[in-house]
Amino acid sequence: MITMKKILGKLILIVVLTTSGTSLFAQAGPPEPPGDPNADGGPVGGNAPIGSGLAILLTLGAAYGGRKVYQYWQSQKKELED
């Protein structure tokens, strides 16, 4: 049986977590504008490399696809044996 104390406690917790999260967004100022790429400020899009992240993403996608193909092959193999 759920008591009124439990319901009230959960309701207070939800209200506190909801309101504290929205007040945190207002404390950050806008980011600094990027530097001029012609004046040694770096590239316009930043200098974060995407090559290694892309390779990891493609490898994980290929592994996931291979697993799905293997699972399908196993299910078809079992159906042919039955």
N, C-alpha and C. Protein backbone atom coordinates (compact mmCIF):
# COMPACT_ATOMS: atom_id res chain seq x y z
N MET A 1 0.84 -1.18 0.00
CA MET A 1 0.00 0.00 0.00
C MET A 1 0.89 1.25 0.00
N ILE A 2 0.60 2.17 -0.86
CA ILE A 2 1.38 3.39 -0.97
C ILE A 2 0.82 4.41 0.01
N THR A 3 1.70 4.95 0.80
CA THR A 3 1.25 5.93 1.78
C THR A 3 1.38 7.33 1.23
N MET A 4 0.72 8.25 1.92
CA MET A 4 0.75 9.64 1.51
C MET A 4 2.14 10.23 1.66
N LYS A 5 2.92 9.74 2.65
CA LYS A 5 4.28 10.24 2.85
C LYS A 5 5.15 9.93 1.64
N LYS A 6 5.03 8.71 1.11
CA LYS A 6 5.84 8.32 -0.05
C LYS A 6 5.49 9.16 -1.27
N ILE A 7 4.20 9.36 -1.47
CA ILE A 7 3.77 10.15 -2.62
C ILE A 7 4.25 11.59 -2.49
N LEU A 8 4.10 12.16 -1.30
CA LEU A 8 4.54 13.53 -1.08
C LEU A 8 6.05 13.65 -1.22
N GLY A 9 6.80 12.69 -0.72
CA GLY A 9 8.25 12.71 -0.84
C GLY A 9 8.70 12.65 -2.29
N LYS A 10 8.09 11.78 -3.06
CA LYS A 10 8.44 11.68 -4.48
C LYS A 10 8.07 12.95 -5.24
N LEU A 11 6.93 13.53 -4.91
CA LEU A 11 6.50 14.75 -5.56
C LEU A 11 7.46 15.91 -5.26
N ILE A 12 7.88 16.02 -4.02
CA ILE A 12 8.84 17.07 -3.66
C ILE A 12 10.16 16.85 -4.37
N LEU A 13 10.62 15.61 -4.43
CA LEU A 13 11.87 15.31 -5.12
C LEU A 13 11.79 15.68 -6.61
N ILE A 14 10.70 15.36 -7.24
CA ILE A 14 10.53 15.68 -8.67
C ILE A 14 10.52 17.20 -8.88
N VAL A 15 9.83 17.93 -8.01
CA VAL A 15 9.77 19.39 -8.15
C VAL A 15 11.15 20.00 -7.95
N VAL A 16 11.89 19.53 -6.95
CA VAL A 16 13.22 20.08 -6.68
C VAL A 16 14.17 19.80 -7.84
N LEU A 17 14.16 18.57 -8.35
CA LEU A 17 15.05 18.25 -9.46
C LEU A 17 14.69 19.01 -10.73
N THR A 18 13.43 19.19 -10.97
CA THR A 18 13.00 19.91 -12.16
C THR A 18 13.39 21.38 -12.10
N THR A 19 13.14 22.02 -10.98
CA THR A 19 13.45 23.44 -10.88
C THR A 19 14.93 23.72 -10.77
N SER A 20 15.69 22.82 -10.17
CA SER A 20 17.13 23.08 -10.06
C SER A 20 17.82 22.95 -11.42
N GLY A 21 17.35 22.09 -12.26
CA GLY A 21 17.94 21.93 -13.58
C GLY A 21 17.71 23.13 -14.48
N THR A 22 16.55 23.73 -14.40
CA THR A 22 16.27 24.88 -15.26
C THR A 22 17.03 26.12 -14.81
N SER A 23 17.32 26.25 -13.53
CA SER A 23 18.05 27.42 -13.08
C SER A 23 19.53 27.33 -13.44
N LEU A 24 20.04 26.16 -13.64
CA LEU A 24 21.45 26.00 -13.99
C LEU A 24 21.73 26.46 -15.42
N PHE A 25 20.76 26.36 -16.31
CA PHE A 25 20.98 26.78 -17.68
C PHE A 25 21.19 28.28 -17.80
N ALA A 26 20.59 29.05 -16.92
CA ALA A 26 20.65 30.50 -17.01
C ALA A 26 21.98 31.07 -16.52
N GLN A 27 22.84 30.28 -15.92
CA GLN A 27 24.06 30.80 -15.34
C GLN A 27 25.21 30.88 -16.34
N ALA A 28 25.13 30.21 -17.44
CA ALA A 28 26.22 30.20 -18.41
C ALA A 28 26.03 31.35 -19.41
N GLY A 29 27.12 32.04 -19.70
CA GLY A 29 27.09 33.12 -20.68
C GLY A 29 27.29 32.55 -22.07
N PRO A 30 27.19 33.38 -23.08
CA PRO A 30 27.39 32.89 -24.44
C PRO A 30 28.87 32.56 -24.68
N PRO A 31 29.14 31.60 -25.56
CA PRO A 31 30.53 31.25 -25.83
C PRO A 31 31.25 32.35 -26.59
N GLU A 32 32.56 32.35 -26.50
CA GLU A 32 33.38 33.32 -27.22
C GLU A 32 33.30 33.03 -28.72
N PRO A 33 33.30 34.06 -29.55
CA PRO A 33 33.28 33.81 -30.99
C PRO A 33 34.61 33.19 -31.44
N PRO A 34 34.58 32.39 -32.50
CA PRO A 34 35.83 31.78 -32.96
C PRO A 34 36.79 32.83 -33.50
N GLY A 35 38.07 32.50 -33.44
CA GLY A 35 39.08 33.43 -33.94
C GLY A 35 39.08 33.52 -35.45
N ASP A 36 39.74 34.51 -35.94
CA ASP A 36 39.86 34.70 -37.38
C ASP A 36 40.84 33.67 -37.93
N PRO A 37 40.44 32.84 -38.89
CA PRO A 37 41.36 31.83 -39.40
C PRO A 37 42.58 32.42 -40.12
N ASN A 38 42.45 33.65 -40.60
CA ASN A 38 43.57 34.27 -41.30
C ASN A 38 44.60 34.87 -40.34
N ALA A 39 44.25 35.01 -39.06
CA ALA A 39 45.15 35.63 -38.09
C ALA A 39 45.58 34.61 -37.03
N ASP A 40 45.97 33.41 -37.44
CA ASP A 40 46.40 32.33 -36.55
C ASP A 40 45.36 32.01 -35.49
N GLY A 41 44.11 32.10 -35.83
CA GLY A 41 43.04 31.79 -34.89
C GLY A 41 42.56 30.35 -35.01
N GLY A 42 43.10 29.62 -35.92
CA GLY A 42 42.65 28.24 -36.12
C GLY A 42 41.57 28.17 -37.17
N PRO A 43 41.20 26.99 -37.58
CA PRO A 43 40.17 26.84 -38.60
C PRO A 43 38.81 27.30 -38.08
N VAL A 44 37.92 27.63 -38.99
CA VAL A 44 36.62 28.17 -38.64
C VAL A 44 35.80 27.14 -37.86
N GLY A 45 35.83 25.91 -38.25
CA GLY A 45 35.04 24.88 -37.59
C GLY A 45 35.69 24.32 -36.35
N GLY A 46 36.76 24.88 -35.90
CA GLY A 46 37.48 24.31 -34.76
C GLY A 46 38.53 23.34 -35.26
N ASN A 47 39.28 22.78 -34.38
CA ASN A 47 40.31 21.84 -34.81
C ASN A 47 40.14 20.49 -34.14
N ALA A 48 38.90 20.01 -34.05
CA ALA A 48 38.62 18.69 -33.52
C ALA A 48 38.66 17.69 -34.69
N PRO A 49 39.50 16.65 -34.59
CA PRO A 49 39.57 15.68 -35.67
C PRO A 49 38.33 14.78 -35.68
N ILE A 50 37.81 14.49 -36.87
CA ILE A 50 36.66 13.59 -36.95
C ILE A 50 37.03 12.27 -37.60
N GLY A 51 38.25 12.14 -38.07
CA GLY A 51 38.65 10.93 -38.77
C GLY A 51 38.60 9.69 -37.90
N SER A 52 39.16 9.73 -36.69
CA SER A 52 39.19 8.54 -35.86
C SER A 52 37.80 8.21 -35.33
N GLY A 53 37.00 9.22 -35.03
CA GLY A 53 35.63 8.97 -34.58
C GLY A 53 34.80 8.34 -35.67
N LEU A 54 35.02 8.76 -36.89
CA LEU A 54 34.30 8.20 -38.02
C LEU A 54 34.69 6.74 -38.23
N ALA A 55 35.97 6.43 -38.08
CA ALA A 55 36.42 5.04 -38.23
C ALA A 55 35.82 4.15 -37.16
N ILE A 56 35.75 4.65 -35.93
CA ILE A 56 35.15 3.87 -34.85
C ILE A 56 33.67 3.64 -35.13
N LEU A 57 32.97 4.67 -35.58
CA LEU A 57 31.55 4.55 -35.87
C LEU A 57 31.30 3.54 -36.99
N LEU A 58 32.10 3.59 -38.04
CA LEU A 58 31.94 2.64 -39.14
C LEU A 58 32.24 1.21 -38.70
N THR A 59 33.27 1.04 -37.85
CA THR A 59 33.62 -0.29 -37.36
C THR A 59 32.50 -0.86 -36.50
N LEU A 60 31.96 -0.05 -35.61
CA LEU A 60 30.85 -0.53 -34.77
C LEU A 60 29.62 -0.84 -35.60
N GLY A 61 29.35 -0.04 -36.61
CA GLY A 61 28.21 -0.31 -37.49
C GLY A 61 28.39 -1.60 -38.27
N ALA A 62 29.61 -1.86 -38.74
CA ALA A 62 29.87 -3.11 -39.46
C ALA A 62 29.75 -4.31 -38.53
N ALA A 63 30.23 -4.17 -37.29
CA ALA A 63 30.11 -5.26 -36.33
C ALA A 63 28.65 -5.54 -35.99
N TYR A 64 27.87 -4.50 -35.82
CA TYR A 64 26.44 -4.67 -35.53
C TYR A 64 25.73 -5.34 -36.70
N GLY A 65 26.03 -4.88 -37.93
CA GLY A 65 25.42 -5.50 -39.11
C GLY A 65 25.83 -6.95 -39.27
N GLY A 66 27.10 -7.25 -39.00
CA GLY A 66 27.57 -8.63 -39.08
C GLY A 66 26.88 -9.51 -38.06
N ARG A 67 26.66 -8.99 -36.87
CA ARG A 67 25.97 -9.75 -35.83
C ARG A 67 24.53 -10.05 -36.25
N LYS A 68 23.86 -9.05 -36.83
CA LYS A 68 22.48 -9.25 -37.27
C LYS A 68 22.41 -10.28 -38.40
N VAL A 69 23.36 -10.24 -39.31
CA VAL A 69 23.39 -11.22 -40.40
C VAL A 69 23.62 -12.61 -39.84
N TYR A 70 24.54 -12.72 -38.88
CA TYR A 70 24.83 -14.02 -38.26
C TYR A 70 23.61 -14.55 -37.52
N GLN A 71 22.88 -13.69 -36.79
CA GLN A 71 21.68 -14.12 -36.09
C GLN A 71 20.61 -14.58 -37.08
N TYR A 72 20.48 -13.88 -38.18
CA TYR A 72 19.51 -14.28 -39.20
C TYR A 72 19.91 -15.61 -39.81
N TRP A 73 21.18 -15.79 -40.07
CA TRP A 73 21.67 -17.04 -40.64
C TRP A 73 21.42 -18.20 -39.68
N GLN A 74 21.64 -17.98 -38.39
CA GLN A 74 21.40 -19.02 -37.40
C GLN A 74 19.91 -19.38 -37.33
N SER A 75 19.03 -18.38 -37.41
CA SER A 75 17.60 -18.66 -37.35
C SER A 75 17.14 -19.42 -38.59
N GLN A 76 17.70 -19.09 -39.75
CA GLN A 76 17.35 -19.81 -40.97
C GLN A 76 17.88 -21.24 -40.93
N LYS A 77 19.06 -21.42 -40.34
CA LYS A 77 19.65 -22.75 -40.21
C LYS A 77 18.78 -23.64 -39.32
N LYS A 78 18.26 -23.08 -38.24
CA LYS A 78 17.41 -23.85 -37.34
C LYS A 78 16.09 -24.20 -38.00
N GLU A 79 15.53 -23.29 -38.80
CA GLU A 79 14.28 -23.56 -39.49
C GLU A 79 14.46 -24.65 -40.54
N LEU A 80 15.61 -24.70 -41.21
CA LEU A 80 15.85 -25.74 -42.20
C LEU A 80 16.06 -27.10 -41.55
N GLU A 81 16.62 -27.11 -40.34
CA GLU A 81 16.83 -28.37 -39.65
C GLU A 81 15.52 -28.96 -39.13
N ASP A 82 14.55 -28.09 -38.82
CA ASP A 82 13.26 -28.57 -38.29
C ASP A 82 12.38 -29.09 -39.36
